[in-house]
Amino acid sequence: SERIIRDLPIKVGERFDKIAMEATRDTILRRLRNNGYPAADLFRSYESDSATRVASVKLDVATGPRAHIGAVNITVTPREGAHEQISKSQVRKTLGFEPGDLYRERELEDAKRALYLSDAYRHVEVRPDTASLAPSGDSTIDVNVTLAETFMRSLRPSFGWATLDCFR
């Protein structure tokens, strides 16, 4: 828990700021979701007294069960009139995570970015299947990967003209 609350945007004794409070909420949730808690949620409340210039903030965290990656379900929609160009085993290698790994939201985002950067897909969706998460204890969560292939070869011709006057 010390790693989760270290260096937060709000601190005791500093000026009360609603934006910093929201940033703190987002920071804590991001840290929890990157450490195995996909269903983490945070409830916040605050009271302020303008006469004494004092505010108190209460943050209640509901972590939910700690989860590891369960099944990785890959659905590929090939380009119209073509068959699937890249095998699902190659997609699994590109993802960077596999069943049994600790759930980390950052790894799902990295997988999505890697698949987009391959330029092989026009649509990429990598999301946890929260319905597969058990309500208590250590659990697994399935990940659904939905892809739509695009052309495997492309040509992007371009030409240009410019002057030193910055007219383009």
Protein backbone atom coordinates (compact mmCIF):
# COMPACT_ATOMS: atom_id res chain seq x y z
CA SER A 1 0.00 0.00 0.00
CA GLU A 2 2.96 2.35 0.55
CA ARG A 3 3.86 2.17 -3.17
CA ILE A 4 0.28 3.02 -4.11
CA ILE A 5 0.07 6.21 -2.02
CA ARG A 6 3.64 7.48 -2.43
CA ASP A 7 4.10 10.93 -4.05
CA LEU A 8 0.42 11.73 -4.57
CA PRO A 9 -0.65 15.14 -5.96
CA ILE A 10 -2.35 16.07 -2.65
CA LYS A 11 -0.58 16.22 0.69
CA VAL A 12 -1.52 17.03 4.27
CA GLY A 13 -1.00 20.70 5.05
CA GLU A 14 -1.06 21.89 1.45
CA ARG A 15 -3.72 23.99 -0.24
CA PHE A 16 -7.01 22.19 -1.01
CA ASP A 17 -7.45 21.76 -4.74
CA LYS A 18 -10.28 19.79 -6.39
CA ILE A 19 -8.22 19.20 -9.52
CA ALA A 20 -5.35 17.77 -7.47
CA MET A 21 -7.88 15.59 -5.64
CA GLU A 22 -9.11 14.16 -8.97
CA ALA A 23 -5.52 13.67 -10.09
CA THR A 24 -4.87 11.76 -6.87
CA ARG A 25 -7.90 9.59 -7.52
CA ASP A 26 -6.71 8.83 -11.05
CA THR A 27 -3.16 8.12 -9.84
CA ILE A 28 -4.29 5.65 -7.19
CA LEU A 29 -6.63 3.85 -9.60
CA ARG A 30 -3.93 3.63 -12.28
CA ARG A 31 -1.44 2.21 -9.78
CA LEU A 32 -3.93 -0.36 -8.51
CA ARG A 33 -4.92 -1.43 -12.02
CA ASN A 34 -1.25 -1.83 -12.91
CA ASN A 35 -0.71 -4.07 -9.88
CA GLY A 36 -3.34 -6.72 -10.42
CA TYR A 37 -6.63 -5.06 -9.43
CA PRO A 38 -8.75 -4.62 -12.59
CA ALA A 39 -11.97 -3.86 -10.67
CA ALA A 40 -10.45 -1.25 -8.33
CA ASP A 41 -12.58 1.76 -7.54
CA LEU A 42 -12.10 4.80 -5.35
CA PHE A 43 -14.75 6.86 -3.60
CA ARG A 44 -13.86 10.33 -2.42
CA SER A 45 -15.50 12.87 -0.19
CA TYR A 46 -14.40 16.13 1.31
CA GLU A 47 -15.53 18.76 3.76
CA SER A 48 -14.27 22.31 3.86
CA ASP A 49 -14.65 25.09 6.39
CA SER A 50 -13.94 28.46 4.82
CA ALA A 51 -13.92 30.25 8.20
CA THR A 52 -11.03 28.18 9.56
CA ARG A 53 -9.58 27.53 6.08
CA VAL A 54 -9.40 23.81 6.70
CA ALA A 55 -10.50 20.99 4.43
CA SER A 56 -10.52 17.27 5.01
CA VAL A 57 -10.49 14.67 2.27
CA LYS A 58 -11.55 11.06 2.63
CA LEU A 59 -10.57 8.45 0.05
CA ASP A 60 -12.13 4.99 0.30
CA VAL A 61 -10.57 2.34 -1.91
CA ALA A 62 -12.35 -0.84 -3.00
CA THR A 63 -9.70 -2.97 -4.66
CA GLY A 64 -11.80 -5.95 -5.65
CA PRO A 65 -10.05 -9.29 -6.17
CA ARG A 66 -6.43 -9.47 -7.31
CA ALA A 67 -6.31 -11.02 -10.75
CA HIS A 68 -4.03 -12.78 -13.16
CA ILE A 69 -4.57 -13.06 -16.90
CA GLY A 70 -6.87 -15.98 -17.73
CA ALA A 71 -7.80 -16.90 -21.27
CA VAL A 72 -6.72 -14.60 -24.09
CA ASN A 73 -9.52 -14.68 -26.68
CA ILE A 74 -8.44 -13.40 -30.09
CA THR A 75 -11.00 -12.55 -32.78
CA VAL A 76 -9.68 -11.48 -36.17
CA THR A 77 -11.86 -10.06 -38.94
CA PRO A 78 -9.99 -10.40 -42.24
CA ARG A 79 -10.25 -7.83 -44.98
CA GLU A 80 -13.25 -8.38 -47.24
CA GLY A 81 -12.51 -10.96 -49.91
CA ALA A 82 -9.34 -12.18 -48.18
CA HIS A 83 -8.41 -14.75 -45.59
CA GLU A 84 -6.68 -14.15 -42.26
CA GLN A 85 -3.14 -12.93 -43.06
CA ILE A 86 -1.48 -13.09 -39.63
CA SER A 87 -1.85 -16.16 -37.44
CA LYS A 88 -3.27 -15.96 -33.94
CA SER A 89 -0.03 -17.41 -32.56
CA GLN A 90 1.87 -14.46 -34.04
CA VAL A 91 -0.66 -12.07 -32.49
CA ARG A 92 -0.10 -13.77 -29.10
CA LYS A 93 3.65 -13.17 -29.41
CA THR A 94 3.04 -9.49 -30.17
CA LEU A 95 0.76 -9.00 -27.15
CA GLY A 96 3.59 -9.24 -24.61
CA PHE A 97 1.51 -11.00 -21.94
CA GLU A 98 0.18 -14.50 -21.56
CA PRO A 99 -2.20 -16.45 -19.33
CA GLY A 100 -0.96 -16.58 -15.75
CA ASP A 101 0.71 -13.14 -15.78
CA LEU A 102 -0.40 -10.61 -13.18
CA TYR A 103 -3.05 -8.29 -14.62
CA ARG A 104 -1.53 -4.92 -15.54
CA GLU A 105 -3.59 -2.37 -17.45
CA ARG A 106 -0.38 -0.84 -18.79
CA GLU A 107 0.48 -4.13 -20.54
CA LEU A 108 -2.91 -4.18 -22.25
CA GLU A 109 -2.32 -0.64 -23.52
CA ASP A 110 1.19 -1.57 -24.67
CA ALA A 111 -0.23 -4.57 -26.55
CA LYS A 112 -2.80 -2.37 -28.27
CA ARG A 113 -0.10 0.09 -29.27
CA ALA A 114 2.17 -2.69 -30.61
CA LEU A 115 -0.64 -4.12 -32.74
CA TYR A 116 -1.51 -0.68 -34.15
CA LEU A 117 2.15 0.06 -34.90
CA SER A 118 2.37 -3.13 -36.95
CA ASP A 119 0.13 -1.37 -39.54
CA ALA A 120 -1.56 -4.73 -40.13
CA TYR A 121 -4.85 -3.77 -38.46
CA ARG A 122 -7.28 -0.95 -39.00
CA HIS A 123 -9.08 -1.69 -35.72
CA VAL A 124 -7.53 -2.96 -32.48
CA GLU A 125 -9.34 -3.54 -29.21
CA VAL A 126 -7.68 -5.12 -26.16
CA ARG A 127 -9.94 -5.16 -23.13
CA PRO A 128 -10.47 -7.19 -19.99
CA ASP A 129 -13.64 -9.26 -19.75
CA THR A 130 -14.83 -8.07 -16.34
CA ALA A 131 -17.69 -10.59 -16.40
CA SER A 132 -15.10 -13.38 -16.12
CA LEU A 133 -13.69 -11.98 -12.85
CA ALA A 134 -14.66 -13.93 -9.71
CA PRO A 135 -16.13 -11.81 -6.88
CA SER A 136 -13.57 -12.65 -4.19
CA GLY A 137 -10.04 -13.91 -3.60
CA ASP A 138 -7.22 -14.29 -6.10
CA SER A 139 -8.78 -14.80 -9.47
CA THR A 140 -8.24 -14.73 -13.21
CA ILE A 141 -9.65 -12.32 -15.74
CA ASP A 142 -10.01 -13.10 -19.42
CA VAL A 143 -8.76 -10.65 -22.03
CA ASN A 144 -10.59 -10.16 -25.33
CA VAL A 145 -8.55 -9.03 -28.33
CA THR A 146 -10.59 -7.91 -31.35
CA LEU A 147 -8.75 -7.11 -34.57
CA ALA A 148 -9.75 -6.04 -38.08
CA GLU A 149 -7.07 -6.57 -40.71
CA THR A 150 -6.17 -4.03 -43.33
CA PHE A 151 -4.06 -4.23 -46.49
CA MET A 152 -0.75 -5.95 -45.83
CA ARG A 153 1.01 -3.83 -48.44
CA SER A 154 0.52 -0.15 -49.05
CA LEU A 155 2.03 2.67 -51.02
CA ARG A 156 1.98 6.27 -49.84
CA PRO A 157 3.28 8.55 -52.55
CA SER A 158 3.82 12.17 -51.67
CA PHE A 159 5.56 15.21 -53.04
CA GLY A 160 6.11 18.69 -51.78
CA TRP A 161 7.46 22.11 -52.47
CA ALA A 162 8.64 24.70 -49.99
CA THR A 163 10.42 28.01 -49.80
CA LEU A 164 12.44 29.62 -47.06
CA ASP A 165 9.48 31.93 -46.43
CA CYS A 166 7.66 28.96 -44.84
CA PHE A 167 5.11 28.82 -47.65
CA ARG A 168 4.12 25.25 -48.26
